[in-house]
Amino acid sequence: MENFLLFGFPFYKSIYLLKNRLRIQFFIGTAFSYIVITVQALSQYKVKLILSKAGRTNVK
């Protein structure tokens, strides 16, 4: 039992820290991808607005 406490506890703690680190990296990655997707959508929306304005001026 003492051997398990000596060797198992740090191992368990490292697995726990690794899980937390992976979870944080996953959260950062998903947040970054969401930001990229929103930026792309906004830029496409701006391009559509500019194109529609240009189309209106061309129609006139």
PDB file of N, CA and C in Angstrom:
ATOM      1  N   MET A   1       0.833  -1.203   0.000  1.00  0.00           N
ATOM      2  CA  MET A   1       0.000   0.000   0.000  1.00  0.00           C
ATOM      3  C   MET A   1       0.866   1.251   0.000  1.00  0.00           C
ATOM      4  N   GLU A   2       1.977   1.206   0.751  1.00  0.00           N
ATOM      5  CA  GLU A   2       2.846   2.382   0.792  1.00  0.00           C
ATOM      6  C   GLU A   2       3.503   2.609  -0.570  1.00  0.00           C
ATOM      7  N   ASN A   3       3.834   1.495  -1.244  1.00  0.00           N
ATOM      8  CA  ASN A   3       4.434   1.648  -2.569  1.00  0.00           C
ATOM      9  C   ASN A   3       3.450   2.308  -3.521  1.00  0.00           C
ATOM     10  N   PHE A   4       2.179   1.927  -3.429  1.00  0.00           N
ATOM     11  CA  PHE A   4       1.174   2.535  -4.298  1.00  0.00           C
ATOM     12  C   PHE A   4       1.062   4.030  -4.008  1.00  0.00           C
ATOM     13  N   LEU A   5       1.100   4.387  -2.713  1.00  0.00           N
ATOM     14  CA  LEU A   5       1.002   5.804  -2.365  1.00  0.00           C
ATOM     15  C   LEU A   5       2.230   6.562  -2.867  1.00  0.00           C
ATOM     16  N   LEU A   6       3.400   5.904  -2.798  1.00  0.00           N
ATOM     17  CA  LEU A   6       4.623   6.599  -3.211  1.00  0.00           C
ATOM     18  C   LEU A   6       4.664   6.774  -4.721  1.00  0.00           C
ATOM     19  N   PHE A   7       4.324   5.712  -5.454  1.00  0.00           N
ATOM     20  CA  PHE A   7       4.485   5.766  -6.912  1.00  0.00           C
ATOM     21  C   PHE A   7       3.170   6.069  -7.632  1.00  0.00           C
ATOM     22  N   GLY A   8       2.061   5.648  -7.051  1.00  0.00           N
ATOM     23  CA  GLY A   8       0.791   5.827  -7.742  1.00  0.00           C
ATOM     24  C   GLY A   8       0.270   7.246  -7.668  1.00  0.00           C
ATOM     25  N   PHE A   9       0.509   7.905  -6.538  1.00  0.00           N
ATOM     26  CA  PHE A   9      -0.078   9.236  -6.372  1.00  0.00           C
ATOM     27  C   PHE A   9       0.508  10.257  -7.355  1.00  0.00           C
ATOM     28  N   PRO A  10       1.836  10.344  -7.492  1.00  0.00           N
ATOM     29  CA  PRO A  10       2.374  11.292  -8.483  1.00  0.00           C
ATOM     30  C   PRO A  10       1.918  10.962  -9.902  1.00  0.00           C
ATOM     31  N   PHE A  11       1.821   9.658 -10.192  1.00  0.00           N
ATOM     32  CA  PHE A  11       1.359   9.230 -11.508  1.00  0.00           C
ATOM     33  C   PHE A  11      -0.071   9.710 -11.729  1.00  0.00           C
ATOM     34  N   TYR A  12      -0.923   9.497 -10.728  1.00  0.00           N
ATOM     35  CA  TYR A  12      -2.317   9.933 -10.819  1.00  0.00           C
ATOM     36  C   TYR A  12      -2.390  11.445 -10.948  1.00  0.00           C
ATOM     37  N   LYS A  13      -1.543  12.132 -10.179  1.00  0.00           N
ATOM     38  CA  LYS A  13      -1.551  13.600 -10.221  1.00  0.00           C
ATOM     39  C   LYS A  13      -1.105  14.093 -11.592  1.00  0.00           C
ATOM     40  N   SER A  14      -0.112  13.444 -12.183  1.00  0.00           N
ATOM     41  CA  SER A  14       0.364  13.866 -13.503  1.00  0.00           C
ATOM     42  C   SER A  14      -0.721  13.618 -14.545  1.00  0.00           C
ATOM     43  N   ILE A  15      -1.450  12.501 -14.425  1.00  0.00           N
ATOM     44  CA  ILE A  15      -2.548  12.233 -15.365  1.00  0.00           C
ATOM     45  C   ILE A  15      -3.617  13.311 -15.211  1.00  0.00           C
ATOM     46  N   TYR A  16      -3.905  13.686 -13.959  1.00  0.00           N
ATOM     47  CA  TYR A  16      -4.920  14.722 -13.708  1.00  0.00           C
ATOM     48  C   TYR A  16      -4.482  16.048 -14.321  1.00  0.00           C
ATOM     49  N   LEU A  17      -3.215  16.415 -14.125  1.00  0.00           N
ATOM     50  CA  LEU A  17      -2.712  17.664 -14.687  1.00  0.00           C
ATOM     51  C   LEU A  17      -2.725  17.611 -16.212  1.00  0.00           C
ATOM     52  N   LEU A  18      -2.369  16.453 -16.762  1.00  0.00           N
ATOM     53  CA  LEU A  18      -2.371  16.307 -18.220  1.00  0.00           C
ATOM     54  C   LEU A  18      -3.788  16.463 -18.765  1.00  0.00           C
ATOM     55  N   LYS A  19      -4.758  15.866 -18.059  1.00  0.00           N
ATOM     56  CA  LYS A  19      -6.155  16.008 -18.487  1.00  0.00           C
ATOM     57  C   LYS A  19      -6.566  17.474 -18.464  1.00  0.00           C
ATOM     58  N   ASN A  20      -6.207  18.179 -17.374  1.00  0.00           N
ATOM     59  CA  ASN A  20      -6.559  19.598 -17.291  1.00  0.00           C
ATOM     60  C   ASN A  20      -5.899  20.381 -18.409  1.00  0.00           C
ATOM     61  N   ARG A  21      -4.630  20.076 -18.685  1.00  0.00           N
ATOM     62  CA  ARG A  21      -3.917  20.800 -19.730  1.00  0.00           C
ATOM     63  C   ARG A  21      -4.575  20.546 -21.080  1.00  0.00           C
ATOM     64  N   LEU A  22      -4.939  19.288 -21.356  1.00  0.00           N
ATOM     65  CA  LEU A  22      -5.597  18.970 -22.623  1.00  0.00           C
ATOM     66  C   LEU A  22      -6.952  19.668 -22.716  1.00  0.00           C
ATOM     67  N   ARG A  23      -7.668  19.712 -21.582  1.00  0.00           N
ATOM     68  CA  ARG A  23      -8.973  20.358 -21.586  1.00  0.00           C
ATOM     69  C   ARG A  23      -8.808  21.845 -21.869  1.00  0.00           C
ATOM     70  N   ILE A  24      -7.786  22.472 -21.260  1.00  0.00           N
ATOM     71  CA  ILE A  24      -7.550  23.901 -21.491  1.00  0.00           C
ATOM     72  C   ILE A  24      -7.167  24.133 -22.950  1.00  0.00           C
ATOM     73  N   GLN A  25      -6.284  23.282 -23.495  1.00  0.00           N
ATOM     74  CA  GLN A  25      -5.883  23.426 -24.888  1.00  0.00           C
ATOM     75  C   GLN A  25      -7.090  23.242 -25.809  1.00  0.00           C
ATOM     76  N   PHE A  26      -7.942  22.263 -25.485  1.00  0.00           N
ATOM     77  CA  PHE A  26      -9.135  22.022 -26.292  1.00  0.00           C
ATOM     78  C   PHE A  26     -10.050  23.241 -26.254  1.00  0.00           C
ATOM     79  N   PHE A  27     -10.230  23.801 -25.040  1.00  0.00           N
ATOM     80  CA  PHE A  27     -11.087  24.980 -24.888  1.00  0.00           C
ATOM     81  C   PHE A  27     -10.520  26.156 -25.680  1.00  0.00           C
ATOM     82  N   ILE A  28      -9.204  26.367 -25.584  1.00  0.00           N
ATOM     83  CA  ILE A  28      -8.576  27.466 -26.326  1.00  0.00           C
ATOM     84  C   ILE A  28      -8.720  27.233 -27.822  1.00  0.00           C
ATOM     85  N   GLY A  29      -8.525  25.978 -28.253  1.00  0.00           N
ATOM     86  CA  GLY A  29      -8.643  25.674 -29.676  1.00  0.00           C
ATOM     87  C   GLY A  29     -10.053  25.908 -30.199  1.00  0.00           C
ATOM     88  N   THR A  30     -11.058  25.483 -29.435  1.00  0.00           N
ATOM     89  CA  THR A  30     -12.431  25.678 -29.887  1.00  0.00           C
ATOM     90  C   THR A  30     -12.778  27.156 -29.894  1.00  0.00           C
ATOM     91  N   ALA A  31     -12.350  27.889 -28.871  1.00  0.00           N
ATOM     92  CA  ALA A  31     -12.620  29.326 -28.841  1.00  0.00           C
ATOM     93  C   ALA A  31     -11.955  30.012 -30.022  1.00  0.00           C
ATOM     94  N   PHE A  32     -10.717  29.615 -30.329  1.00  0.00           N
ATOM     95  CA  PHE A  32     -10.003  30.221 -31.459  1.00  0.00           C
ATOM     96  C   PHE A  32     -10.710  29.915 -32.771  1.00  0.00           C
ATOM     97  N   SER A  33     -11.170  28.661 -32.932  1.00  0.00           N
ATOM     98  CA  SER A  33     -11.860  28.302 -34.174  1.00  0.00           C
ATOM     99  C   SER A  33     -13.182  29.058 -34.284  1.00  0.00           C
ATOM    100  N   TYR A  34     -13.890  29.235 -33.140  1.00  0.00           N
ATOM    101  CA  TYR A  34     -15.123  30.012 -33.181  1.00  0.00           C
ATOM    102  C   TYR A  34     -14.840  31.449 -33.606  1.00  0.00           C
ATOM    103  N   ILE A  35     -13.756  32.035 -33.057  1.00  0.00           N
ATOM    104  CA  ILE A  35     -13.392  33.416 -33.412  1.00  0.00           C
ATOM    105  C   ILE A  35     -13.084  33.496 -34.900  1.00  0.00           C
ATOM    106  N   VAL A  36     -12.316  32.523 -35.395  1.00  0.00           N
ATOM    107  CA  VAL A  36     -11.965  32.530 -36.825  1.00  0.00           C
ATOM    108  C   VAL A  36     -13.218  32.424 -37.682  1.00  0.00           C
ATOM    109  N   ILE A  37     -14.138  31.529 -37.288  1.00  0.00           N
ATOM    110  CA  ILE A  37     -15.370  31.344 -38.069  1.00  0.00           C
ATOM    111  C   ILE A  37     -16.192  32.628 -38.064  1.00  0.00           C
ATOM    112  N   THR A  38     -16.322  33.280 -36.900  1.00  0.00           N
ATOM    113  CA  THR A  38     -17.108  34.515 -36.834  1.00  0.00           C
ATOM    114  C   THR A  38     -16.451  35.618 -37.653  1.00  0.00           C
ATOM    115  N   VAL A  39     -15.115  35.702 -37.596  1.00  0.00           N
ATOM    116  CA  VAL A  39     -14.413  36.729 -38.379  1.00  0.00           C
ATOM    117  C   VAL A  39     -14.623  36.490 -39.864  1.00  0.00           C
ATOM    118  N   GLN A  40     -14.530  35.221 -40.282  1.00  0.00           N
ATOM    119  CA  GLN A  40     -14.752  34.905 -41.693  1.00  0.00           C
ATOM    120  C   GLN A  40     -16.181  35.259 -42.108  1.00  0.00           C
ATOM    121  N   ALA A  41     -17.148  34.919 -41.249  1.00  0.00           N
ATOM    122  CA  ALA A  41     -18.544  35.215 -41.580  1.00  0.00           C
ATOM    123  C   ALA A  41     -18.753  36.726 -41.668  1.00  0.00           C
ATOM    124  N   LEU A  42     -18.161  37.473 -40.733  1.00  0.00           N
ATOM    125  CA  LEU A  42     -18.308  38.927 -40.765  1.00  0.00           C
ATOM    126  C   LEU A  42     -17.667  39.515 -42.013  1.00  0.00           C
ATOM    127  N   SER A  43     -16.492  39.023 -42.379  1.00  0.00           N
ATOM    128  CA  SER A  43     -15.818  39.555 -43.572  1.00  0.00           C
ATOM    129  C   SER A  43     -16.642  39.230 -44.820  1.00  0.00           C
ATOM    130  N   GLN A  44     -17.203  38.023 -44.896  1.00  0.00           N
ATOM    131  CA  GLN A  44     -18.052  37.678 -46.044  1.00  0.00           C
ATOM    132  C   GLN A  44     -19.286  38.584 -46.074  1.00  0.00           C
ATOM    133  N   TYR A  45     -19.840  38.866 -44.891  1.00  0.00           N
ATOM    134  CA  TYR A  45     -21.012  39.740 -44.818  1.00  0.00           C
ATOM    135  C   TYR A  45     -20.649  41.142 -45.301  1.00  0.00           C
ATOM    136  N   LYS A  46     -19.471  41.652 -44.875  1.00  0.00           N
ATOM    137  CA  LYS A  46     -19.021  42.970 -45.328  1.00  0.00           C
ATOM    138  C   LYS A  46     -18.829  42.981 -46.836  1.00  0.00           C
ATOM    139  N   VAL A  47     -18.214  41.916 -47.363  1.00  0.00           N
ATOM    140  CA  VAL A  47     -18.009  41.845 -48.815  1.00  0.00           C
ATOM    141  C   VAL A  47     -19.350  41.855 -49.535  1.00  0.00           C
ATOM    142  N   LYS A  48     -20.336  41.125 -48.999  1.00  0.00           N
ATOM    143  CA  LYS A  48     -21.672  41.115 -49.621  1.00  0.00           C
ATOM    144  C   LYS A  48     -22.284  42.502 -49.572  1.00  0.00           C
ATOM    145  N   LEU A  49     -22.118  43.196 -48.437  1.00  0.00           N
ATOM    146  CA  LEU A  49     -22.658  44.553 -48.333  1.00  0.00           C
ATOM    147  C   LEU A  49     -22.006  45.465 -49.368  1.00  0.00           C
ATOM    148  N   ILE A  50     -20.676  45.386 -49.464  1.00  0.00           N
ATOM    149  CA  ILE A  50     -19.963  46.241 -50.427  1.00  0.00           C
ATOM    150  C   ILE A  50     -20.408  45.912 -51.842  1.00  0.00           C
ATOM    151  N   LEU A  51     -20.518  44.616 -52.149  1.00  0.00           N
ATOM    152  CA  LEU A  51     -20.941  44.216 -53.501  1.00  0.00           C
ATOM    153  C   LEU A  51     -22.365  44.684 -53.781  1.00  0.00           C
ATOM    154  N   SER A  52     -23.246  44.592 -52.796  1.00  0.00           N
ATOM    155  CA  SER A  52     -24.624  45.003 -53.017  1.00  0.00           C
ATOM    156  C   SER A  52     -24.680  46.522 -53.211  1.00  0.00           C
ATOM    157  N   LYS A  53     -23.882  47.264 -52.436  1.00  0.00           N
ATOM    158  CA  LYS A  53     -23.843  48.720 -52.621  1.00  0.00           C
ATOM    159  C   LYS A  53     -23.304  49.053 -54.011  1.00  0.00           C
ATOM    160  N   ALA A  54     -22.248  48.364 -54.419  1.00  0.00           N
ATOM    161  CA  ALA A  54     -21.685  48.602 -55.752  1.00  0.00           C
ATOM    162  C   ALA A  54     -22.720  48.252 -56.815  1.00  0.00           C
ATOM    163  N   GLY A  55     -23.479  47.166 -56.606  1.00  0.00           N
ATOM    164  CA  GLY A  55     -24.509  46.783 -57.564  1.00  0.00           C
ATOM    165  C   GLY A  55     -25.582  47.857 -57.654  1.00  0.00           C
ATOM    166  N   ARG A  56     -25.964  48.428 -56.499  1.00  0.00           N
ATOM    167  CA  ARG A  56     -26.980  49.488 -56.502  1.00  0.00           C
ATOM    168  C   ARG A  56     -26.479  50.704 -57.276  1.00  0.00           C
ATOM    169  N   THR A  57     -25.203  51.074 -57.032  1.00  0.00           N
ATOM    170  CA  THR A  57     -24.688  52.255 -57.728  1.00  0.00           C
ATOM    171  C   THR A  57     -24.591  51.974 -59.224  1.00  0.00           C
ATOM    172  N   ASN A  58     -24.267  50.735 -59.586  1.00  0.00           N
ATOM    173  CA  ASN A  58     -24.191  50.407 -61.011  1.00  0.00           C
ATOM    174  C   ASN A  58     -25.581  50.442 -61.644  1.00  0.00           C
ATOM    175  N   VAL A  59     -26.611  50.007 -60.894  1.00  0.00           N
ATOM    176  CA  VAL A  59     -27.963  50.002 -61.434  1.00  0.00           C
ATOM    177  C   VAL A  59     -28.413  51.435 -61.695  1.00  0.00           C
ATOM    178  N   LYS A  60     -28.082  52.337 -60.766  1.00  0.00           N
ATOM    179  CA  LYS A  60     -28.459  53.743 -60.952  1.00  0.00           C
ATOM    180  C   LYS A  60     -27.652  54.302 -62.116  1.00  0.00           C
TER     181      LYS A  60
END
